[in-house]
PDB file of N, CA and C in Angstrom:
ATOM      1  N   UNK A   1      92.436  69.176  69.315  1.00  0.00           N
ATOM      2  CA  UNK A   1      91.233  69.978  69.305  1.00  0.00           C
ATOM      3  C   UNK A   1      90.768  70.120  67.885  1.00  0.00           C
ATOM      4  N   UNK A   2      89.515  70.266  67.735  1.00  0.00           N
ATOM      5  CA  UNK A   2      88.951  70.419  66.400  1.00  0.00           C
ATOM      6  C   UNK A   2      88.529  71.868  66.208  1.00  0.00           C
ATOM      7  N   UNK A   3      89.052  72.498  65.177  1.00  0.00           N
ATOM      8  CA  UNK A   3      88.689  73.883  64.873  1.00  0.00           C
ATOM      9  C   UNK A   3      87.319  73.858  64.201  1.00  0.00           C
ATOM     10  N   UNK A   4      86.351  74.575  64.748  1.00  0.00           N
ATOM     11  CA  UNK A   4      84.995  74.523  64.182  1.00  0.00           C
ATOM     12  C   UNK A   4      84.968  74.949  62.712  1.00  0.00           C
ATOM     13  N   UNK A   5      84.253  74.189  61.903  1.00  0.00           N
ATOM     14  CA  UNK A   5      84.199  74.460  60.457  1.00  0.00           C
ATOM     15  C   UNK A   5      83.670  75.855  60.164  1.00  0.00           C
ATOM     16  N   UNK A   6      82.800  76.362  61.003  1.00  0.00           N
ATOM     17  CA  UNK A   6      82.234  77.679  60.724  1.00  0.00           C
ATOM     18  C   UNK A   6      83.223  78.799  61.003  1.00  0.00           C
ATOM     19  N   UNK A   7      84.398  78.468  61.515  1.00  0.00           N
ATOM     20  CA  UNK A   7      85.412  79.487  61.790  1.00  0.00           C
ATOM     21  C   UNK A   7      86.597  79.394  60.836  1.00  0.00           C
ATOM     22  N   UNK A   8      86.478  78.660  59.724  1.00  0.00           N
ATOM     23  CA  UNK A   8      87.616  78.538  58.813  1.00  0.00           C
ATOM     24  C   UNK A   8      88.129  79.894  58.364  1.00  0.00           C
ATOM     25  N   UNK A   9      87.223  80.849  58.149  1.00  0.00           N
ATOM     26  CA  UNK A   9      87.658  82.176  57.707  1.00  0.00           C
ATOM     27  C   UNK A   9      88.426  82.911  58.812  1.00  0.00           C
ATOM     28  N   UNK A  10      88.329  82.422  60.038  1.00  0.00           N
ATOM     29  CA  UNK A  10      89.008  83.038  61.182  1.00  0.00           C
ATOM     30  C   UNK A  10      90.300  82.310  61.554  1.00  0.00           C
ATOM     31  N   UNK A  11      90.664  81.286  60.805  1.00  0.00           N
ATOM     32  CA  UNK A  11      91.788  80.441  61.194  1.00  0.00           C
ATOM     33  C   UNK A  11      93.073  81.238  61.405  1.00  0.00           C
ATOM     34  N   UNK A  12      93.381  82.131  60.496  1.00  0.00           N
ATOM     35  CA  UNK A  12      94.625  82.898  60.634  1.00  0.00           C
ATOM     36  C   UNK A  12      94.655  83.676  61.939  1.00  0.00           C
ATOM     37  N   UNK A  13      93.588  84.398  62.226  1.00  0.00           N
ATOM     38  CA  UNK A  13      93.572  85.177  63.474  1.00  0.00           C
ATOM     39  C   UNK A  13      93.512  84.257  64.699  1.00  0.00           C
ATOM     40  N   UNK A  14      92.829  83.112  64.586  1.00  0.00           N
ATOM     41  CA  UNK A  14      92.767  82.170  65.710  1.00  0.00           C
ATOM     42  C   UNK A  14      94.155  81.627  66.048  1.00  0.00           C
ATOM     43  N   UNK A  15      94.960  81.323  65.033  1.00  0.00           N
ATOM     44  CA  UNK A  15      96.303  80.796  65.279  1.00  0.00           C
ATOM     45  C   UNK A  15      97.256  81.863  65.797  1.00  0.00           C
ATOM     46  N   UNK A  16      96.850  83.119  65.715  1.00  0.00           N
ATOM     47  CA  UNK A  16      97.689  84.208  66.218  1.00  0.00           C
ATOM     48  C   UNK A  16      97.237  84.703  67.592  1.00  0.00           C
ATOM     49  N   UNK A  17      96.197  84.104  68.145  1.00  0.00           N
ATOM     50  CA  UNK A  17      95.729  84.489  69.480  1.00  0.00           C
ATOM     51  C   UNK A  17      96.784  84.149  70.533  1.00  0.00           C
ATOM     52  N   UNK A  18      96.746  84.881  71.618  1.00  0.00           N
ATOM     53  CA  UNK A  18      97.560  84.522  72.774  1.00  0.00           C
ATOM     54  C   UNK A  18      97.022  83.202  73.323  1.00  0.00           C
ATOM     55  N   UNK A  19      97.896  82.374  73.917  1.00  0.00           N
ATOM     56  CA  UNK A  19      97.444  81.075  74.415  1.00  0.00           C
ATOM     57  C   UNK A  19      96.231  81.132  75.343  1.00  0.00           C
ATOM     58  N   UNK A  20      96.167  82.103  76.248  1.00  0.00           N
ATOM     59  CA  UNK A  20      95.037  82.197  77.178  1.00  0.00           C
ATOM     60  C   UNK A  20      93.734  82.521  76.438  1.00  0.00           C
ATOM     61  N   UNK A  21      93.802  83.406  75.450  1.00  0.00           N
ATOM     62  CA  UNK A  21      92.604  83.759  74.674  1.00  0.00           C
ATOM     63  C   UNK A  21      92.150  82.567  73.836  1.00  0.00           C
ATOM     64  N   UNK A  22      93.105  81.818  73.287  1.00  0.00           N
ATOM     65  CA  UNK A  22      92.778  80.635  72.496  1.00  0.00           C
ATOM     66  C   UNK A  22      92.054  79.614  73.370  1.00  0.00           C
ATOM     67  N   UNK A  23      92.606  79.377  74.568  1.00  0.00           N
ATOM     68  CA  UNK A  23      91.998  78.402  75.476  1.00  0.00           C
ATOM     69  C   UNK A  23      90.607  78.846  75.906  1.00  0.00           C
ATOM     70  N   UNK A  24      90.427  80.132  76.145  1.00  0.00           N
ATOM     71  CA  UNK A  24      89.109  80.641  76.529  1.00  0.00           C
ATOM     72  C   UNK A  24      88.098  80.452  75.403  1.00  0.00           C
ATOM     73  N   UNK A  25      88.536  80.608  74.172  1.00  0.00           N
ATOM     74  CA  UNK A  25      87.635  80.496  73.024  1.00  0.00           C
ATOM     75  C   UNK A  25      87.319  79.048  72.676  1.00  0.00           C
ATOM     76  N   UNK A  26      88.324  78.153  72.745  1.00  0.00           N
ATOM     77  CA  UNK A  26      88.163  76.778  72.275  1.00  0.00           C
ATOM     78  C   UNK A  26      88.181  75.719  73.378  1.00  0.00           C
ATOM     79  N   UNK A  27      88.414  76.131  74.619  1.00  0.00           N
ATOM     80  CA  UNK A  27      88.517  75.181  75.742  1.00  0.00           C
ATOM     81  C   UNK A  27      89.576  74.112  75.465  1.00  0.00           C
ATOM     82  N   UNK A  28      90.642  74.529  74.839  1.00  0.00           N
ATOM     83  CA  UNK A  28      91.727  73.628  74.474  1.00  0.00           C
ATOM     84  C   UNK A  28      93.020  74.431  74.410  1.00  0.00           C
ATOM     85  N   UNK A  29      94.128  73.739  74.674  1.00  0.00           N
ATOM     86  CA  UNK A  29      95.423  74.408  74.573  1.00  0.00           C
ATOM     87  C   UNK A  29      95.690  74.811  73.129  1.00  0.00           C
ATOM     88  N   UNK A  30      96.324  75.946  72.963  1.00  0.00           N
ATOM     89  CA  UNK A  30      96.705  76.402  71.629  1.00  0.00           C
ATOM     90  C   UNK A  30      97.844  75.535  71.108  1.00  0.00           C
ATOM     91  N   UNK A  31      97.755  75.084  69.850  1.00  0.00           N
ATOM     92  CA  UNK A  31      98.876  74.325  69.285  1.00  0.00           C
ATOM     93  C   UNK A  31     100.134  75.189  69.274  1.00  0.00           C
ATOM     94  N   UNK A  32     101.267  74.544  69.436  1.00  0.00           N
ATOM     95  CA  UNK A  32     102.544  75.256  69.395  1.00  0.00           C
ATOM     96  C   UNK A  32     103.138  75.114  67.994  1.00  0.00           C
ATOM     97  N   UNK A  33     103.830  76.126  67.523  1.00  0.00           N
ATOM     98  CA  UNK A  33     104.440  76.031  66.184  1.00  0.00           C
ATOM     99  C   UNK A  33     105.353  74.817  66.028  1.00  0.00           C
ATOM    100  N   UNK A  34     105.944  74.348  67.129  1.00  0.00           N
ATOM    101  CA  UNK A  34     106.857  73.206  67.037  1.00  0.00           C
ATOM    102  C   UNK A  34     106.152  71.857  67.189  1.00  0.00           C
ATOM    103  N   UNK A  35     104.830  71.857  67.421  1.00  0.00           N
ATOM    104  CA  UNK A  35     104.103  70.591  67.522  1.00  0.00           C
ATOM    105  C   UNK A  35     104.312  69.772  66.260  1.00  0.00           C
ATOM    106  N   UNK A  36     104.507  68.476  66.449  1.00  0.00           N
ATOM    107  CA  UNK A  36     104.857  67.601  65.331  1.00  0.00           C
ATOM    108  C   UNK A  36     103.703  67.379  64.364  1.00  0.00           C
ATOM    109  N   UNK A  37     102.503  67.237  64.871  1.00  0.00           N
ATOM    110  CA  UNK A  37     101.353  66.947  64.005  1.00  0.00           C
ATOM    111  C   UNK A  37     100.181  67.853  64.338  1.00  0.00           C
ATOM    112  N   UNK A  38      99.928  68.775  63.482  1.00  0.00           N
ATOM    113  CA  UNK A  38      98.746  69.623  63.551  1.00  0.00           C
ATOM    114  C   UNK A  38      97.959  69.273  62.300  1.00  0.00           C
ATOM    115  N   UNK A  39      96.951  68.417  62.445  1.00  0.00           N
ATOM    116  CA  UNK A  39      96.257  67.828  61.308  1.00  0.00           C
ATOM    117  C   UNK A  39      95.024  68.647  60.937  1.00  0.00           C
ATOM    118  N   UNK A  40      94.923  68.992  59.672  1.00  0.00           N
ATOM    119  CA  UNK A  40      93.748  69.672  59.143  1.00  0.00           C
ATOM    120  C   UNK A  40      93.026  68.713  58.213  1.00  0.00           C
ATOM    121  N   UNK A  41      91.712  68.792  58.222  1.00  0.00           N
ATOM    122  CA  UNK A  41      90.918  67.936  57.353  1.00  0.00           C
ATOM    123  C   UNK A  41      89.595  68.615  57.054  1.00  0.00           C
ATOM    124  N   UNK A  42      88.952  68.145  56.026  1.00  0.00           N
ATOM    125  CA  UNK A  42      87.639  68.639  55.640  1.00  0.00           C
ATOM    126  C   UNK A  42      86.932  67.507  54.909  1.00  0.00           C
ATOM    127  N   UNK A  43      85.880  67.807  54.210  1.00  0.00           N
ATOM    128  CA  UNK A  43      85.138  66.747  53.537  1.00  0.00           C
ATOM    129  C   UNK A  43      85.870  66.207  52.313  1.00  0.00           C
ATOM    130  N   UNK A  44      86.420  67.087  51.495  1.00  0.00           N
ATOM    131  CA  UNK A  44      87.030  66.668  50.245  1.00  0.00           C
ATOM    132  C   UNK A  44      88.557  66.809  50.221  1.00  0.00           C
ATOM    133  N   UNK A  45      89.124  67.648  51.048  1.00  0.00           N
ATOM    134  CA  UNK A  45      90.567  67.847  51.086  1.00  0.00           C
ATOM    135  C   UNK A  45      91.026  69.241  50.702  1.00  0.00           C
ATOM    136  N   UNK A  46      90.184  70.018  50.024  1.00  0.00           N
ATOM    137  CA  UNK A  46      90.585  71.344  49.545  1.00  0.00           C
ATOM    138  C   UNK A  46      90.793  72.326  50.704  1.00  0.00           C
ATOM    139  N   UNK A  47      89.813  72.434  51.608  1.00  0.00           N
ATOM    140  CA  UNK A  47      89.935  73.373  52.728  1.00  0.00           C
ATOM    141  C   UNK A  47      91.036  72.932  53.675  1.00  0.00           C
ATOM    142  N   UNK A  48      91.181  71.623  53.868  1.00  0.00           N
ATOM    143  CA  UNK A  48      92.249  71.121  54.724  1.00  0.00           C
ATOM    144  C   UNK A  48      93.620  71.506  54.192  1.00  0.00           C
ATOM    145  N   UNK A  49      93.791  71.415  52.873  1.00  0.00           N
ATOM    146  CA  UNK A  49      95.052  71.797  52.247  1.00  0.00           C
ATOM    147  C   UNK A  49      95.316  73.284  52.442  1.00  0.00           C
ATOM    148  N   UNK A  50      94.305  74.108  52.232  1.00  0.00           N
ATOM    149  CA  UNK A  50      94.475  75.549  52.388  1.00  0.00           C
ATOM    150  C   UNK A  50      94.786  75.908  53.839  1.00  0.00           C
ATOM    151  N   UNK A  51      94.124  75.231  54.779  1.00  0.00           N
ATOM    152  CA  UNK A  51      94.386  75.486  56.198  1.00  0.00           C
ATOM    153  C   UNK A  51      95.807  75.089  56.560  1.00  0.00           C
ATOM    154  N   UNK A  52      96.269  73.940  56.046  1.00  0.00           N
ATOM    155  CA  UNK A  52      97.630  73.491  56.298  1.00  0.00           C
ATOM    156  C   UNK A  52      98.637  74.514  55.775  1.00  0.00           C
ATOM    157  N   UNK A  53      98.424  74.997  54.555  1.00  0.00           N
ATOM    158  CA  UNK A  53      99.337  75.968  53.961  1.00  0.00           C
ATOM    159  C   UNK A  53      99.360  77.264  54.765  1.00  0.00           C
ATOM    160  N   UNK A  54      98.196  77.689  55.233  1.00  0.00           N
ATOM    161  CA  UNK A  54      98.127  78.899  56.046  1.00  0.00           C
ATOM    162  C   UNK A  54      98.888  78.695  57.351  1.00  0.00           C
ATOM    163  N   UNK A  55      98.651  77.577  58.017  1.00  0.00           N
ATOM    164  CA  UNK A  55      99.337  77.296  59.279  1.00  0.00           C
ATOM    165  C   UNK A  55     100.852  77.245  59.065  1.00  0.00           C
ATOM    166  N   UNK A  56     101.287  76.595  57.990  1.00  0.00           N
ATOM    167  CA  UNK A  56     102.725  76.534  57.705  1.00  0.00           C
ATOM    168  C   UNK A  56     103.293  77.928  57.474  1.00  0.00           C
ATOM    169  N   UNK A  57     102.538  78.796  56.812  1.00  0.00           N
ATOM    170  CA  UNK A  57     103.018  80.164  56.573  1.00  0.00           C
ATOM    171  C   UNK A  57     103.149  80.954  57.875  1.00  0.00           C
ATOM    172  N   UNK A  58     102.430  80.505  58.919  1.00  0.00           N
ATOM    173  CA  UNK A  58     102.500  81.155  60.233  1.00  0.00           C
ATOM    174  C   UNK A  58     103.535  80.493  61.142  1.00  0.00           C
ATOM    175  N   UNK A  59     104.295  79.540  60.590  1.00  0.00           N
ATOM    176  CA  UNK A  59     105.363  78.916  61.346  1.00  0.00           C
ATOM    177  C   UNK A  59     105.035  77.564  61.954  1.00  0.00           C
ATOM    178  N   UNK A  60     103.858  77.033  61.693  1.00  0.00           N
ATOM    179  CA  UNK A  60     103.475  75.724  62.214  1.00  0.00           C
ATOM    180  C   UNK A  60     104.032  74.654  61.272  1.00  0.00           C
ATOM    181  N   UNK A  61     105.299  74.287  61.519  1.00  0.00           N
ATOM    182  CA  UNK A  61     106.006  73.389  60.614  1.00  0.00           C
ATOM    183  C   UNK A  61     105.415  71.984  60.572  1.00  0.00           C
ATOM    184  N   UNK A  62     104.757  71.568  61.640  1.00  0.00           N
ATOM    185  CA  UNK A  62     104.176  70.228  61.698  1.00  0.00           C
ATOM    186  C   UNK A  62     102.761  70.160  61.156  1.00  0.00           C
ATOM    187  N   UNK A  63     102.288  71.234  60.542  1.00  0.00           N
ATOM    188  CA  UNK A  63     100.930  71.234  59.982  1.00  0.00           C
ATOM    189  C   UNK A  63     100.846  70.221  58.851  1.00  0.00           C
ATOM    190  N   UNK A  64      99.780  69.437  58.859  1.00  0.00           N
ATOM    191  CA  UNK A  64      99.564  68.402  57.855  1.00  0.00           C
ATOM    192  C   UNK A  64      98.119  68.450  57.385  1.00  0.00           C
ATOM    193  N   UNK A  65      97.899  67.938  56.189  1.00  0.00           N
ATOM    194  CA  UNK A  65      96.545  67.816  55.646  1.00  0.00           C
ATOM    195  C   UNK A  65      96.218  66.331  55.531  1.00  0.00           C
ATOM    196  N   UNK A  66      95.094  65.923  56.094  1.00  0.00           N
ATOM    197  CA  UNK A  66      94.640  64.540  55.918  1.00  0.00           C
ATOM    198  C   UNK A  66      93.988  64.494  54.548  1.00  0.00           C
ATOM    199  N   UNK A  67      94.771  64.085  53.556  1.00  0.00           N
ATOM    200  CA  UNK A  67      94.355  64.175  52.158  1.00  0.00           C
ATOM    201  C   UNK A  67      93.110  63.354  51.844  1.00  0.00           C
ATOM    202  N   UNK A  68      92.930  62.242  52.510  1.00  0.00           N
ATOM    203  CA  UNK A  68      91.760  61.412  52.243  1.00  0.00           C
ATOM    204  C   UNK A  68      90.476  62.044  52.749  1.00  0.00           C
ATOM    205  N   UNK A  69      90.615  62.947  53.685  1.00  0.00           N
ATOM    206  CA  UNK A  69      89.506  63.686  54.268  1.00  0.00           C
ATOM    207  C   UNK A  69      88.409  62.743  54.769  1.00  0.00           C
ATOM    208  N   UNK A  70      87.210  63.289  54.945  1.00  0.00           N
ATOM    209  CA  UNK A  70      86.101  62.508  55.466  1.00  0.00           C
ATOM    210  C   UNK A  70      85.775  61.311  54.587  1.00  0.00           C
ATOM    211  N   UNK A  71      85.895  61.459  53.288  1.00  0.00           N
ATOM    212  CA  UNK A  71      85.538  60.350  52.380  1.00  0.00           C
ATOM    213  C   UNK A  71      86.334  59.092  52.715  1.00  0.00           C
ATOM    214  N   UNK A  72      87.635  59.235  52.845  1.00  0.00           N
ATOM    215  CA  UNK A  72      88.463  58.069  53.150  1.00  0.00           C
ATOM    216  C   UNK A  72      88.127  57.510  54.521  1.00  0.00           C
ATOM    217  N   UNK A  73      87.966  58.388  55.493  1.00  0.00           N
ATOM    218  CA  UNK A  73      87.652  57.943  56.846  1.00  0.00           C
ATOM    219  C   UNK A  73      86.328  57.190  56.863  1.00  0.00           C
ATOM    220  N   UNK A  74      85.311  57.738  56.185  1.00  0.00           N
ATOM    221  CA  UNK A  74      84.012  57.060  56.116  1.00  0.00           C
ATOM    222  C   UNK A  74      84.167  55.670  55.509  1.00  0.00           C
ATOM    223  N   UNK A  75      84.924  55.564  54.427  1.00  0.00           N
ATOM    224  CA  UNK A  75      85.100  54.271  53.768  1.00  0.00           C
ATOM    225  C   UNK A  75      85.814  53.284  54.689  1.00  0.00           C
ATOM    226  N   UNK A  76      86.847  53.725  55.374  1.00  0.00           N
ATOM    227  CA  UNK A  76      87.589  52.836  56.277  1.00  0.00           C
ATOM    228  C   UNK A  76      86.717  52.365  57.436  1.00  0.00           C
ATOM    229  N   UNK A  77      85.798  53.208  57.880  1.00  0.00           N
ATOM    230  CA  UNK A  77      84.934  52.869  59.002  1.00  0.00           C
ATOM    231  C   UNK A  77      83.654  52.170  58.576  1.00  0.00           C
ATOM    232  N   UNK A  78      83.466  51.990  57.265  1.00  0.00           N
ATOM    233  CA  UNK A  78      82.276  51.305  56.790  1.00  0.00           C
ATOM    234  C   UNK A  78      81.075  52.209  56.581  1.00  0.00           C
ATOM    235  N   UNK A  79      81.322  53.511  56.517  1.00  0.00           N
ATOM    236  CA  UNK A  79      80.247  54.474  56.297  1.00  0.00           C
ATOM    237  C   UNK A  79      80.235  54.869  54.827  1.00  0.00           C
ATOM    238  N   UNK A  80      79.071  55.205  54.323  1.00  0.00           N
ATOM    239  CA  UNK A  80      78.960  55.698  52.950  1.00  0.00           C
ATOM    240  C   UNK A  80      79.294  57.170  52.889  1.00  0.00           C
ATOM    241  N   UNK A  81      79.466  57.694  51.690  1.00  0.00           N
ATOM    242  CA  UNK A  81      79.786  59.113  51.524  1.00  0.00           C
ATOM    243  C   UNK A  81      78.672  60.007  52.048  1.00  0.00           C
ATOM    244  N   UNK A  82      77.465  59.453  52.159  1.00  0.00           N
ATOM    245  CA  UNK A  82      76.345  60.236  52.673  1.00  0.00           C
ATOM    246  C   UNK A  82      76.319  60.273  54.193  1.00  0.00           C
ATOM    247  N   UNK A  83      77.293  59.608  54.836  1.00  0.00           N
ATOM    248  CA  UNK A  83      77.359  59.598  56.286  1.00  0.00           C
ATOM    249  C   UNK A  83      76.528  58.505  56.916  1.00  0.00           C
ATOM    250  N   UNK A  84      75.926  57.648  56.104  1.00  0.00           N
ATOM    251  CA  UNK A  84      75.121  56.556  56.637  1.00  0.00           C
ATOM    252  C   UNK A  84      75.938  55.275  56.628  1.00  0.00           C
ATOM    253  N   UNK A  85      75.733  54.469  57.638  1.00  0.00           N
ATOM    254  CA  UNK A  85      76.452  53.204  57.741  1.00  0.00           C
ATOM    255  C   UNK A  85      76.090  52.307  56.571  1.00  0.00           C
ATOM    256  N   UNK A  86      77.099  51.763  55.906  1.00  0.00           N
ATOM    257  CA  UNK A  86      76.871  50.830  54.810  1.00  0.00           C
ATOM    258  C   UNK A  86      76.455  49.490  55.404  1.00  0.00           C
ATOM    259  N   UNK A  87      75.191  49.260  55.464  1.00  0.00           N
ATOM    260  CA  UNK A  87      74.659  48.013  55.997  1.00  0.00           C
ATOM    261  C   UNK A  87      73.631  47.488  55.011  1.00  0.00           C
ATOM    262  N   UNK A  88      73.410  46.192  55.010  1.00  0.00           N
ATOM    263  CA  UNK A  88      72.402  45.661  54.100  1.00  0.00           C
ATOM    264  C   UNK A  88      71.042  46.303  54.375  1.00  0.00           C
ATOM    265  N   UNK A  89      70.303  46.499  53.330  1.00  0.00           N
ATOM    266  CA  UNK A  89      68.968  47.069  53.461  1.00  0.00           C
ATOM    267  C   UNK A  89      68.090  46.129  54.274  1.00  0.00           C
ATOM    268  N   UNK A  90      67.257  46.681  55.171  1.00  0.00           N
ATOM    269  CA  UNK A  90      66.327  45.826  55.918  1.00  0.00           C
ATOM    270  C   UNK A  90      65.426  45.024  54.967  1.00  0.00           C
ATOM    271  N   UNK A  91      65.134  45.573  53.794  1.00  0.00           N
ATOM    272  CA  UNK A  91      64.304  44.857  52.828  1.00  0.00           C
ATOM    273  C   UNK A  91      64.971  43.559  52.385  1.00  0.00           C
ATOM    274  N   UNK A  92      66.319  43.569  52.319  1.00  0.00           N
ATOM    275  CA  UNK A  92      67.035  42.387  51.885  1.00  0.00           C
ATOM    276  C   UNK A  92      66.849  41.226  52.858  1.00  0.00           C
ATOM    277  N   UNK A  93      66.501  41.553  54.083  1.00  0.00           N
ATOM    278  CA  UNK A  93      66.306  40.511  55.094  1.00  0.00           C
ATOM    279  C   UNK A  93      64.840  40.320  55.447  1.00  0.00           C
ATOM    280  N   UNK A  94      63.956  40.906  54.659  1.00  0.00           N
ATOM    281  CA  UNK A  94      62.524  40.749  54.910  1.00  0.00           C
ATOM    282  C   UNK A  94      62.030  41.493  56.142  1.00  0.00           C
ATOM    283  N   UNK A  95      62.760  42.508  56.562  1.00  0.00           N
ATOM    284  CA  UNK A  95      62.360  43.247  57.764  1.00  0.00           C
ATOM    285  C   UNK A  95      61.321  44.318  57.487  1.00  0.00           C
ATOM    286  N   UNK A  96      61.121  44.691  56.241  1.00  0.00           N
ATOM    287  CA  UNK A  96      60.151  45.744  55.932  1.00  0.00           C
ATOM    288  C   UNK A  96      59.061  45.199  55.054  1.00  0.00           C
TER     289      UNK A  96
END
Protein backbone atom coordinates (compact mmCIF):
# COMPACT_ATOMS: atom_id res chain seq x y z
CA UNK A 1 0.00 0.00 0.00
CA UNK A 2 1.14 3.49 -0.61
CA UNK A 3 0.89 5.96 2.26
CA UNK A 4 -0.46 9.22 0.82
CA UNK A 5 2.20 11.94 0.69
CA UNK A 6 -0.16 14.45 2.25
CA UNK A 7 -0.31 12.31 5.39
CA UNK A 8 3.44 12.13 6.12
CA UNK A 9 2.92 14.21 9.26
CA UNK A 10 0.39 11.56 10.38
CA UNK A 11 2.65 8.56 9.76
CA UNK A 12 3.40 7.87 13.42
CA UNK A 13 -0.25 7.86 14.45
CA UNK A 14 -1.22 5.91 11.29
CA UNK A 15 1.25 3.12 12.15
CA UNK A 16 -0.23 2.96 15.65
CA UNK A 17 -3.84 2.54 14.48
CA UNK A 18 -5.68 -0.67 15.20
CA UNK A 19 -5.69 -2.93 12.12
CA UNK A 20 -9.43 -2.41 11.45
CA UNK A 21 -9.12 1.39 11.64
CA UNK A 22 -6.06 1.30 9.36
CA UNK A 23 -7.93 -0.79 6.79
CA UNK A 24 -10.95 1.51 6.95
CA UNK A 25 -8.73 4.55 6.36
CA UNK A 26 -6.43 3.13 3.64
CA UNK A 27 -8.43 0.21 2.18
CA UNK A 28 -5.37 -1.92 2.79
CA UNK A 29 -4.10 -4.27 5.47
CA UNK A 30 -1.95 -2.65 8.11
CA UNK A 31 1.72 -3.63 7.82
CA UNK A 32 2.91 -5.90 10.61
CA UNK A 33 6.03 -5.04 12.61
CA UNK A 34 7.54 -8.37 11.52
CA UNK A 35 6.95 -7.76 7.79
CA UNK A 36 10.22 -8.20 5.95
CA UNK A 37 9.97 -5.22 3.60
CA UNK A 38 8.12 -2.05 4.42
CA UNK A 39 9.52 0.30 1.78
CA UNK A 40 9.41 4.08 2.13
CA UNK A 41 10.26 6.43 -0.69
CA UNK A 42 9.90 10.02 -1.75
CA UNK A 43 11.21 12.26 -4.50
CA UNK A 44 14.73 12.83 -3.19
CA UNK A 45 15.18 10.32 -0.35
CA UNK A 46 15.05 12.61 2.71
CA UNK A 47 11.40 12.01 3.72
CA UNK A 48 11.72 8.31 2.94
CA UNK A 49 14.70 8.06 5.29
CA UNK A 50 12.85 9.88 8.06
CA UNK A 51 9.77 7.68 7.59
CA UNK A 52 11.93 4.54 7.72
CA UNK A 53 13.59 5.71 10.94
CA UNK A 54 10.22 6.51 12.49
CA UNK A 55 8.80 3.11 11.52
CA UNK A 56 11.88 1.35 12.91
CA UNK A 57 11.49 3.26 16.19
CA UNK A 58 7.93 1.87 16.37
CA UNK A 59 9.19 -1.69 15.98
CA UNK A 60 8.91 -2.15 12.21
CA UNK A 61 12.24 -3.92 11.84
CA UNK A 62 11.80 -4.54 8.10
CA UNK A 63 11.33 -0.84 7.31
CA UNK A 64 13.54 0.23 4.42
CA UNK A 65 14.20 3.42 2.48
CA UNK A 66 14.42 3.29 -1.31
CA UNK A 67 17.45 5.56 -1.40
CA UNK A 68 17.31 6.23 -5.13
CA UNK A 69 13.78 7.53 -4.69
CA UNK A 70 11.76 8.75 -7.66
CA UNK A 71 14.84 10.10 -9.46
CA UNK A 72 16.42 6.68 -9.81
CA UNK A 73 13.14 5.03 -10.72
CA UNK A 74 12.45 7.66 -13.39
CA UNK A 75 15.92 7.16 -14.87
CA UNK A 76 15.58 3.36 -14.93
CA UNK A 77 12.19 3.64 -16.63
CA UNK A 78 13.39 6.19 -19.18
CA UNK A 79 11.64 9.17 -17.63
CA UNK A 80 13.27 12.53 -17.00
CA UNK A 81 13.44 14.15 -13.57
CA UNK A 82 10.54 16.35 -14.66
CA UNK A 83 8.34 13.26 -14.98
CA UNK A 84 8.25 13.41 -18.77
CA UNK A 85 9.28 10.48 -20.92
CA UNK A 86 12.76 10.96 -22.36
CA UNK A 87 11.92 10.69 -26.03
CA UNK A 88 13.36 12.46 -29.04
CA UNK A 89 11.79 15.81 -29.71
CA UNK A 90 9.12 15.73 -32.44
CA UNK A 91 11.08 18.58 -34.06
CA UNK A 92 14.03 16.22 -34.50
CA UNK A 93 11.86 14.10 -36.77
CA UNK A 94 10.23 16.97 -38.64
CA UNK A 95 6.88 16.40 -36.95
CA UNK A 96 6.38 20.03 -35.92
